[in-house]
Each structure stands twice: as C-alpha cells, then as structure tokens.
Amino acid sequence: MQDQSKNNKIVCEVESCIYHDKNMNCTAQQIKVGPTGADCCSETACETYKHE
C-alpha cells in the first residue's frame, strides 16, 4: 500500500486566489486538481482557485 501522508504545505504562487496567504502557501482545507483527462503537468489546473 502506498504511503498517503498528508502534505501540510501546499506551495502556491497565485497571488490573486483567496486561499493564497502572501507567503506562497495555500490555506484551503483541501484542493482539487483537474481535469480528469490530463496527460501532463501543463494540462492540469487547481479547481479550488477563487479570485479574491
């Protein structure tokens, strides 16, 4: 079984998001990354993003 330890520090550079704490950290309780059919990093996006 794969270790599924929590990552308590999500680095975020998107300063226009309400979850950005101005220290490059995400403060959202959880994040959702999509879309489902992505084949590489450049095809993914944070679906938790909300403009401040």
PDB file of N, CA and C in Angstrom:
ATOM      1  N   MET A   1       0.833  -1.183   0.000  1.00  0.00           N
ATOM      2  CA  MET A   1       0.000   0.000   0.000  1.00  0.00           C
ATOM      3  C   MET A   1       0.881   1.251   0.000  1.00  0.00           C
ATOM      4  N   GLN A   2       0.505   2.246  -0.797  1.00  0.00           N
ATOM      5  CA  GLN A   2       1.259   3.489  -0.922  1.00  0.00           C
ATOM      6  C   GLN A   2       1.060   4.364   0.318  1.00  0.00           C
ATOM      7  N   ASP A   3       2.143   4.999   0.794  1.00  0.00           N
ATOM      8  CA  ASP A   3       2.057   5.929   1.915  1.00  0.00           C
ATOM      9  C   ASP A   3       1.299   7.173   1.477  1.00  0.00           C
ATOM     10  N   GLN A   4       0.215   7.487   2.174  1.00  0.00           N
ATOM     11  CA  GLN A   4      -0.586   8.644   1.818  1.00  0.00           C
ATOM     12  C   GLN A   4      -0.526   9.689   2.924  1.00  0.00           C
ATOM     13  N   SER A   5       0.685  10.017   3.380  1.00  0.00           N
ATOM     14  CA  SER A   5       0.872  11.034   4.405  1.00  0.00           C
ATOM     15  C   SER A   5       0.368  12.374   3.898  1.00  0.00           C
ATOM     16  N   LYS A   6      -0.160  13.166   4.814  1.00  0.00           N
ATOM     17  CA  LYS A   6      -0.654  14.482   4.439  1.00  0.00           C
ATOM     18  C   LYS A   6       0.496  15.408   4.077  1.00  0.00           C
ATOM     19  N   ASN A   7       0.279  16.219   3.060  1.00  0.00           N
ATOM     20  CA  ASN A   7       1.210  17.283   2.712  1.00  0.00           C
ATOM     21  C   ASN A   7       0.659  18.538   3.363  1.00  0.00           C
ATOM     22  N   ASN A   8       1.238  18.966   4.468  1.00  0.00           N
ATOM     23  CA  ASN A   8       0.725  20.106   5.213  1.00  0.00           C
ATOM     24  C   ASN A   8       1.152  21.445   4.644  1.00  0.00           C
ATOM     25  N   LYS A   9       1.918  21.449   3.579  1.00  0.00           N
ATOM     26  CA  LYS A   9       2.354  22.701   2.978  1.00  0.00           C
ATOM     27  C   LYS A   9       2.212  22.620   1.467  1.00  0.00           C
ATOM     28  N   ILE A  10       1.200  23.267   0.954  1.00  0.00           N
ATOM     29  CA  ILE A  10       0.990  23.340  -0.489  1.00  0.00           C
ATOM     30  C   ILE A  10       1.514  24.690  -0.951  1.00  0.00           C
ATOM     31  N   VAL A  11       2.538  24.684  -1.776  1.00  0.00           N
ATOM     32  CA  VAL A  11       3.118  25.923  -2.287  1.00  0.00           C
ATOM     33  C   VAL A  11       2.232  26.451  -3.412  1.00  0.00           C
ATOM     34  N   CYS A  12       1.901  27.728  -3.328  1.00  0.00           N
ATOM     35  CA  CYS A  12       1.052  28.362  -4.334  1.00  0.00           C
ATOM     36  C   CYS A  12       1.624  29.717  -4.697  1.00  0.00           C
ATOM     37  N   GLU A  13       1.755  29.988  -5.980  1.00  0.00           N
ATOM     38  CA  GLU A  13       2.276  31.265  -6.465  1.00  0.00           C
ATOM     39  C   GLU A  13       1.174  32.179  -6.985  1.00  0.00           C
ATOM     40  N   VAL A  14      -0.085  31.766  -6.906  1.00  0.00           N
ATOM     41  CA  VAL A  14      -1.195  32.521  -7.480  1.00  0.00           C
ATOM     42  C   VAL A  14      -1.715  33.534  -6.469  1.00  0.00           C
ATOM     43  N   GLU A  15      -1.160  34.736  -6.509  1.00  0.00           N
ATOM     44  CA  GLU A  15      -1.479  35.762  -5.520  1.00  0.00           C
ATOM     45  C   GLU A  15      -2.912  36.269  -5.596  1.00  0.00           C
ATOM     46  N   SER A  16      -3.614  36.041  -6.698  1.00  0.00           N
ATOM     47  CA  SER A  16      -4.983  36.533  -6.845  1.00  0.00           C
ATOM     48  C   SER A  16      -6.029  35.585  -6.253  1.00  0.00           C
ATOM     49  N   CYS A  17      -5.604  34.461  -5.677  1.00  0.00           N
ATOM     50  CA  CYS A  17      -6.533  33.488  -5.095  1.00  0.00           C
ATOM     51  C   CYS A  17      -6.793  33.819  -3.624  1.00  0.00           C
ATOM     52  N   ILE A  18      -8.037  33.642  -3.168  1.00  0.00           N
ATOM     53  CA  ILE A  18      -8.376  33.943  -1.775  1.00  0.00           C
ATOM     54  C   ILE A  18      -7.659  33.020  -0.797  1.00  0.00           C
ATOM     55  N   TYR A  19      -7.193  31.871  -1.257  1.00  0.00           N
ATOM     56  CA  TYR A  19      -6.507  30.923  -0.382  1.00  0.00           C
ATOM     57  C   TYR A  19      -5.001  31.162  -0.290  1.00  0.00           C
ATOM     58  N   HIS A  20      -4.477  32.109  -1.046  1.00  0.00           N
ATOM     59  CA  HIS A  20      -3.051  32.447  -1.025  1.00  0.00           C
ATOM     60  C   HIS A  20      -2.768  33.280   0.215  1.00  0.00           C
ATOM     61  N   ASP A  21      -1.792  32.893   1.043  1.00  0.00           N
ATOM     62  CA  ASP A  21      -1.539  33.593   2.305  1.00  0.00           C
ATOM     63  C   ASP A  21      -0.427  34.640   2.223  1.00  0.00           C
ATOM     64  N   LYS A  22      -0.032  35.047   1.048  1.00  0.00           N
ATOM     65  CA  LYS A  22       1.013  36.050   0.805  1.00  0.00           C
ATOM     66  C   LYS A  22       2.411  35.546   1.162  1.00  0.00           C
ATOM     67  N   ASN A  23       2.517  34.290   1.566  1.00  0.00           N
ATOM     68  CA  ASN A  23       3.815  33.657   1.814  1.00  0.00           C
ATOM     69  C   ASN A  23       3.988  32.428   0.928  1.00  0.00           C
ATOM     70  N   MET A  24       3.262  32.415  -0.197  1.00  0.00           N
ATOM     71  CA  MET A  24       3.302  31.322  -1.177  1.00  0.00           C
ATOM     72  C   MET A  24       2.755  30.006  -0.627  1.00  0.00           C
ATOM     73  N   ASN A  25       1.808  30.068   0.314  1.00  0.00           N
ATOM     74  CA  ASN A  25       1.168  28.864   0.837  1.00  0.00           C
ATOM     75  C   ASN A  25      -0.319  28.897   0.530  1.00  0.00           C
ATOM     76  N   CYS A  26      -0.890  27.720   0.305  1.00  0.00           N
ATOM     77  CA  CYS A  26      -2.325  27.574   0.111  1.00  0.00           C
ATOM     78  C   CYS A  26      -2.967  27.281   1.460  1.00  0.00           C
ATOM     79  N   THR A  27      -4.024  28.025   1.796  1.00  0.00           N
ATOM     80  CA  THR A  27      -4.697  27.838   3.079  1.00  0.00           C
ATOM     81  C   THR A  27      -6.026  27.107   2.956  1.00  0.00           C
ATOM     82  N   ALA A  28      -6.363  26.611   1.771  1.00  0.00           N
ATOM     83  CA  ALA A  28      -7.615  25.872   1.591  1.00  0.00           C
ATOM     84  C   ALA A  28      -7.585  24.574   2.398  1.00  0.00           C
ATOM     85  N   GLN A  29      -8.738  24.163   2.927  1.00  0.00           N
ATOM     86  CA  GLN A  29      -8.847  22.922   3.690  1.00  0.00           C
ATOM     87  C   GLN A  29      -8.479  21.710   2.830  1.00  0.00           C
ATOM     88  N   GLN A  30      -8.838  21.772   1.564  1.00  0.00           N
ATOM     89  CA  GLN A  30      -8.483  20.720   0.606  1.00  0.00           C
ATOM     90  C   GLN A  30      -8.380  21.376  -0.760  1.00  0.00           C
ATOM     91  N   ILE A  31      -7.685  20.723  -1.674  1.00  0.00           N
ATOM     92  CA  ILE A  31      -7.581  21.246  -3.030  1.00  0.00           C
ATOM     93  C   ILE A  31      -8.053  20.180  -4.011  1.00  0.00           C
ATOM     94  N   LYS A  32      -8.533  20.656  -5.144  1.00  0.00           N
ATOM     95  CA  LYS A  32      -8.951  19.761  -6.220  1.00  0.00           C
ATOM     96  C   LYS A  32      -8.171  20.166  -7.456  1.00  0.00           C
ATOM     97  N   VAL A  33      -7.506  19.196  -8.061  1.00  0.00           N
ATOM     98  CA  VAL A  33      -6.729  19.436  -9.269  1.00  0.00           C
ATOM     99  C   VAL A  33      -7.340  18.620 -10.395  1.00  0.00           C
ATOM    100  N   GLY A  34      -7.513  19.218 -11.536  1.00  0.00           N
ATOM    101  CA  GLY A  34      -8.117  18.536 -12.666  1.00  0.00           C
ATOM    102  C   GLY A  34      -7.542  19.105 -13.951  1.00  0.00           C
ATOM    103  N   PRO A  35      -8.062  18.746 -15.070  1.00  0.00           N
ATOM    104  CA  PRO A  35      -9.195  17.870 -15.320  1.00  0.00           C
ATOM    105  C   PRO A  35      -8.803  16.397 -15.296  1.00  0.00           C
ATOM    106  N   THR A  36      -9.803  15.550 -15.309  1.00  0.00           N
ATOM    107  CA  THR A  36      -9.596  14.110 -15.225  1.00  0.00           C
ATOM    108  C   THR A  36      -8.705  13.568 -16.340  1.00  0.00           C
ATOM    109  N   GLY A  37      -8.849  14.080 -17.545  1.00  0.00           N
ATOM    110  CA  GLY A  37      -8.133  13.534 -18.693  1.00  0.00           C
ATOM    111  C   GLY A  37      -6.745  14.088 -18.934  1.00  0.00           C
ATOM    112  N   ALA A  38      -6.163  14.775 -17.972  1.00  0.00           N
ATOM    113  CA  ALA A  38      -4.830  15.365 -18.169  1.00  0.00           C
ATOM    114  C   ALA A  38      -3.777  14.281 -18.369  1.00  0.00           C
ATOM    115  N   ASP A  39      -2.852  14.537 -19.295  1.00  0.00           N
ATOM    116  CA  ASP A  39      -1.758  13.609 -19.565  1.00  0.00           C
ATOM    117  C   ASP A  39      -0.404  14.143 -19.118  1.00  0.00           C
ATOM    118  N   CYS A  40      -0.343  15.429 -18.796  1.00  0.00           N
ATOM    119  CA  CYS A  40       0.923  16.016 -18.345  1.00  0.00           C
ATOM    120  C   CYS A  40       0.640  17.218 -17.450  1.00  0.00           C
ATOM    121  N   CYS A  41       1.656  17.659 -16.776  1.00  0.00           N
ATOM    122  CA  CYS A  41       1.574  18.765 -15.818  1.00  0.00           C
ATOM    123  C   CYS A  41       0.931  20.017 -16.411  1.00  0.00           C
ATOM    124  N   SER A  42       1.293  20.370 -17.617  1.00  0.00           N
ATOM    125  CA  SER A  42       0.791  21.612 -18.216  1.00  0.00           C
ATOM    126  C   SER A  42      -0.707  21.559 -18.533  1.00  0.00           C
ATOM    127  N   GLU A  43      -1.305  20.382 -18.480  1.00  0.00           N
ATOM    128  CA  GLU A  43      -2.734  20.242 -18.738  1.00  0.00           C
ATOM    129  C   GLU A  43      -3.566  20.251 -17.453  1.00  0.00           C
ATOM    130  N   THR A  44      -2.928  20.422 -16.308  1.00  0.00           N
ATOM    131  CA  THR A  44      -3.655  20.424 -15.045  1.00  0.00           C
ATOM    132  C   THR A  44      -3.891  21.833 -14.538  1.00  0.00           C
ATOM    133  N   ALA A  45      -4.858  21.970 -13.643  1.00  0.00           N
ATOM    134  CA  ALA A  45      -5.188  23.274 -13.054  1.00  0.00           C
ATOM    135  C   ALA A  45      -5.812  23.061 -11.678  1.00  0.00           C
ATOM    136  N   CYS A  46      -5.629  24.018 -10.794  1.00  0.00           N
ATOM    137  CA  CYS A  46      -6.240  23.972  -9.474  1.00  0.00           C
ATOM    138  C   CYS A  46      -7.702  24.390  -9.612  1.00  0.00           C
ATOM    139  N   GLU A  47      -8.601  23.466  -9.346  1.00  0.00           N
ATOM    140  CA  GLU A  47     -10.027  23.767  -9.460  1.00  0.00           C
ATOM    141  C   GLU A  47     -10.570  24.396  -8.178  1.00  0.00           C
ATOM    142  N   THR A  48      -9.742  24.545  -7.156  1.00  0.00           N
ATOM    143  CA  THR A  48     -10.124  25.167  -5.897  1.00  0.00           C
ATOM    144  C   THR A  48      -9.977  26.685  -5.978  1.00  0.00           C
ATOM    145  N   TYR A  49      -9.246  27.171  -6.962  1.00  0.00           N
ATOM    146  CA  TYR A  49      -8.961  28.599  -7.118  1.00  0.00           C
ATOM    147  C   TYR A  49     -10.232  29.440  -7.059  1.00  0.00           C
ATOM    148  N   LYS A  50     -10.182  30.501  -6.249  1.00  0.00           N
ATOM    149  CA  LYS A  50     -11.241  31.518  -6.214  1.00  0.00           C
ATOM    150  C   LYS A  50     -10.567  32.874  -6.180  1.00  0.00           C
ATOM    151  N   HIS A  51     -10.969  33.735  -7.104  1.00  0.00           N
ATOM    152  CA  HIS A  51     -10.388  35.081  -7.187  1.00  0.00           C
ATOM    153  C   HIS A  51     -10.780  35.883  -5.959  1.00  0.00           C
ATOM    154  N   GLU A  52      -9.801  36.621  -5.393  1.00  0.00           N
ATOM    155  CA  GLU A  52     -10.131  37.419  -4.202  1.00  0.00           C
ATOM    156  C   GLU A  52     -10.873  38.671  -4.531  1.00  0.00           C
TER     157      GLU A  52
END
